[in-house]
Amino acid sequence: MIYVNWVVALAAIIFTVGTIGVMFRRNPLIMFMASEMMWNAAALAFIAYARQLHDMNGQVMAFVIMATAAAEVGIGLAIIVSVYHKRHRLDIDEISRLKG
């Protein structure tokens, strides 16, 4: 189906934009948004292939991806807020130097 090819191409583009955002941005909030784009691109690809194959496993995997991404964001934002509360700035290099 042509529809699936276009949707998977769109998912690849979204995943690429997310990867570039994670690699080149130093702000943790931007990095989390970019990683969310990557999670959503993977879910979109699963749903497109599930539609082509008339199988529900793609929708189940998309649901698992959404639940995992929500848990990741909850924990990640808690860490970011805690670091900002103590240091009053957000820099990924500074966060990576935290010890103990």
C-alpha atoms as a PDB file:
ATOM      1  CA  MET A   1       0.000   0.000   0.000  1.00  0.00           C
ATOM      2  CA  ILE A   2       1.229   3.462  -0.849  1.00  0.00           C
ATOM      3  CA  TYR A   3      -0.328   4.824   2.324  1.00  0.00           C
ATOM      4  CA  VAL A   4       1.988   2.776   4.546  1.00  0.00           C
ATOM      5  CA  ASN A   5       5.078   3.896   2.631  1.00  0.00           C
ATOM      6  CA  TRP A   6       4.217   7.561   3.140  1.00  0.00           C
ATOM      7  CA  VAL A   7       3.460   7.106   6.827  1.00  0.00           C
ATOM      8  CA  VAL A   8       6.685   5.188   7.446  1.00  0.00           C
ATOM      9  CA  ALA A   9       8.622   7.871   5.548  1.00  0.00           C
ATOM     10  CA  LEU A  10       6.988  10.506   7.756  1.00  0.00           C
ATOM     11  CA  ALA A  11       7.906   8.470  10.848  1.00  0.00           C
ATOM     12  CA  ALA A  12      11.515   8.297   9.635  1.00  0.00           C
ATOM     13  CA  ILE A  13      11.618  12.053   9.128  1.00  0.00           C
ATOM     14  CA  ILE A  14      10.162  12.694  12.594  1.00  0.00           C
ATOM     15  CA  PHE A  15      12.639  10.235  14.124  1.00  0.00           C
ATOM     16  CA  THR A  16      15.530  11.959  12.329  1.00  0.00           C
ATOM     17  CA  VAL A  17      14.456  15.391  13.581  1.00  0.00           C
ATOM     18  CA  GLY A  18      14.239  13.970  17.110  1.00  0.00           C
ATOM     19  CA  THR A  19      17.688  12.414  16.813  1.00  0.00           C
ATOM     20  CA  ILE A  20      19.177  15.706  15.650  1.00  0.00           C
ATOM     21  CA  GLY A  21      17.479  17.481  18.551  1.00  0.00           C
ATOM     22  CA  VAL A  22      18.951  15.061  21.092  1.00  0.00           C
ATOM     23  CA  MET A  23      22.417  15.190  19.565  1.00  0.00           C
ATOM     24  CA  PHE A  24      22.860  18.920  19.082  1.00  0.00           C
ATOM     25  CA  ARG A  25      20.826  20.647  21.785  1.00  0.00           C
ATOM     26  CA  ARG A  26      22.243  21.234  25.269  1.00  0.00           C
ATOM     27  CA  ASN A  27      18.981  22.115  27.033  1.00  0.00           C
ATOM     28  CA  PRO A  28      17.481  19.085  28.825  1.00  0.00           C
ATOM     29  CA  LEU A  29      13.905  20.202  28.138  1.00  0.00           C
ATOM     30  CA  ILE A  30      14.559  20.376  24.405  1.00  0.00           C
ATOM     31  CA  MET A  31      16.272  16.994  24.599  1.00  0.00           C
ATOM     32  CA  PHE A  32      13.205  15.493  26.287  1.00  0.00           C
ATOM     33  CA  MET A  33      10.907  16.944  23.635  1.00  0.00           C
ATOM     34  CA  ALA A  34      13.175  15.539  20.927  1.00  0.00           C
ATOM     35  CA  SER A  35      13.187  12.105  22.564  1.00  0.00           C
ATOM     36  CA  GLU A  36       9.379  12.253  22.706  1.00  0.00           C
ATOM     37  CA  MET A  37       9.395  12.869  18.957  1.00  0.00           C
ATOM     38  CA  MET A  38      11.494   9.732  18.546  1.00  0.00           C
ATOM     39  CA  TRP A  39       9.107   7.665  20.708  1.00  0.00           C
ATOM     40  CA  ASN A  40       6.101   8.948  18.730  1.00  0.00           C
ATOM     41  CA  ALA A  41       7.782   8.224  15.402  1.00  0.00           C
ATOM     42  CA  ALA A  42       8.345   4.627  16.464  1.00  0.00           C
ATOM     43  CA  ALA A  43       4.704   4.336  17.542  1.00  0.00           C
ATOM     44  CA  LEU A  44       3.563   5.780  14.205  1.00  0.00           C
ATOM     45  CA  ALA A  45       5.603   3.211  12.301  1.00  0.00           C
ATOM     46  CA  PHE A  46       4.160   0.369  14.413  1.00  0.00           C
ATOM     47  CA  ILE A  47       0.616   1.580  13.756  1.00  0.00           C
ATOM     48  CA  ALA A  48       1.225   1.935  10.006  1.00  0.00           C
ATOM     49  CA  TYR A  49       2.577  -1.597   9.705  1.00  0.00           C
ATOM     50  CA  ALA A  50      -0.232  -2.948  11.878  1.00  0.00           C
ATOM     51  CA  ARG A  51      -2.760  -1.361   9.544  1.00  0.00           C
ATOM     52  CA  GLN A  52      -1.075  -2.911   6.516  1.00  0.00           C
ATOM     53  CA  LEU A  53      -0.893  -6.361   8.089  1.00  0.00           C
ATOM     54  CA  HIS A  54      -4.373  -6.170   9.687  1.00  0.00           C
ATOM     55  CA  ASP A  55      -2.863  -7.053  13.049  1.00  0.00           C
ATOM     56  CA  MET A  56      -3.458  -5.546  16.495  1.00  0.00           C
ATOM     57  CA  ASN A  57       0.114  -6.028  17.731  1.00  0.00           C
ATOM     58  CA  GLY A  58       1.157  -2.661  16.308  1.00  0.00           C
ATOM     59  CA  GLN A  59      -1.513  -0.844  18.297  1.00  0.00           C
ATOM     60  CA  VAL A  60      -0.491  -2.733  21.432  1.00  0.00           C
ATOM     61  CA  MET A  61       3.138  -1.758  20.902  1.00  0.00           C
ATOM     62  CA  ALA A  62       2.128   1.863  20.329  1.00  0.00           C
ATOM     63  CA  PHE A  63       0.250   1.814  23.641  1.00  0.00           C
ATOM     64  CA  VAL A  64       3.310   0.358  25.397  1.00  0.00           C
ATOM     65  CA  ILE A  65       5.480   3.048  23.790  1.00  0.00           C
ATOM     66  CA  MET A  66       3.145   5.805  24.990  1.00  0.00           C
ATOM     67  CA  ALA A  67       3.113   4.413  28.537  1.00  0.00           C
ATOM     68  CA  THR A  68       6.898   4.095  28.606  1.00  0.00           C
ATOM     69  CA  ALA A  69       7.364   7.601  27.221  1.00  0.00           C
ATOM     70  CA  ALA A  70       4.997   9.030  29.824  1.00  0.00           C
ATOM     71  CA  ALA A  71       6.937   7.339  32.623  1.00  0.00           C
ATOM     72  CA  GLU A  72      10.229   8.596  31.181  1.00  0.00           C
ATOM     73  CA  VAL A  73       8.959  12.154  30.994  1.00  0.00           C
ATOM     74  CA  GLY A  74       7.615  12.066  34.539  1.00  0.00           C
ATOM     75  CA  ILE A  75      10.918  10.920  36.005  1.00  0.00           C
ATOM     76  CA  GLY A  76      13.003  13.128  33.712  1.00  0.00           C
ATOM     77  CA  LEU A  77      11.045  16.270  34.478  1.00  0.00           C
ATOM     78  CA  ALA A  78      11.310  15.571  38.202  1.00  0.00           C
ATOM     79  CA  ILE A  79      15.090  15.364  37.855  1.00  0.00           C
ATOM     80  CA  ILE A  80      15.222  18.540  35.757  1.00  0.00           C
ATOM     81  CA  VAL A  81      13.090  20.489  38.240  1.00  0.00           C
ATOM     82  CA  SER A  82      15.258  19.266  41.119  1.00  0.00           C
ATOM     83  CA  VAL A  83      18.474  20.305  39.358  1.00  0.00           C
ATOM     84  CA  TYR A  84      17.030  23.699  38.413  1.00  0.00           C
ATOM     85  CA  HIS A  85      15.843  24.236  41.983  1.00  0.00           C
ATOM     86  CA  LYS A  86      19.372  23.627  43.327  1.00  0.00           C
ATOM     87  CA  ARG A  87      21.503  25.216  40.587  1.00  0.00           C
ATOM     88  CA  HIS A  88      19.173  27.789  38.953  1.00  0.00           C
ATOM     89  CA  ARG A  89      20.310  26.880  35.452  1.00  0.00           C
ATOM     90  CA  LEU A  90      19.843  24.015  33.053  1.00  0.00           C
ATOM     91  CA  ASP A  91      22.903  22.754  31.223  1.00  0.00           C
ATOM     92  CA  ILE A  92      23.299  19.131  30.221  1.00  0.00           C
ATOM     93  CA  ASP A  93      27.062  19.219  30.806  1.00  0.00           C
ATOM     94  CA  GLU A  94      26.483  20.445  34.351  1.00  0.00           C
ATOM     95  CA  ILE A  95      23.903  17.740  34.986  1.00  0.00           C
ATOM     96  CA  SER A  96      26.280  15.039  33.739  1.00  0.00           C
ATOM     97  CA  ARG A  97      28.894  16.163  36.301  1.00  0.00           C
ATOM     98  CA  LEU A  98      26.577  15.571  39.272  1.00  0.00           C
ATOM     99  CA  LYS A  99      27.960  13.058  41.722  1.00  0.00           C
ATOM    100  CA  GLY A 100      26.428  11.542  44.846  1.00  0.00           C
END
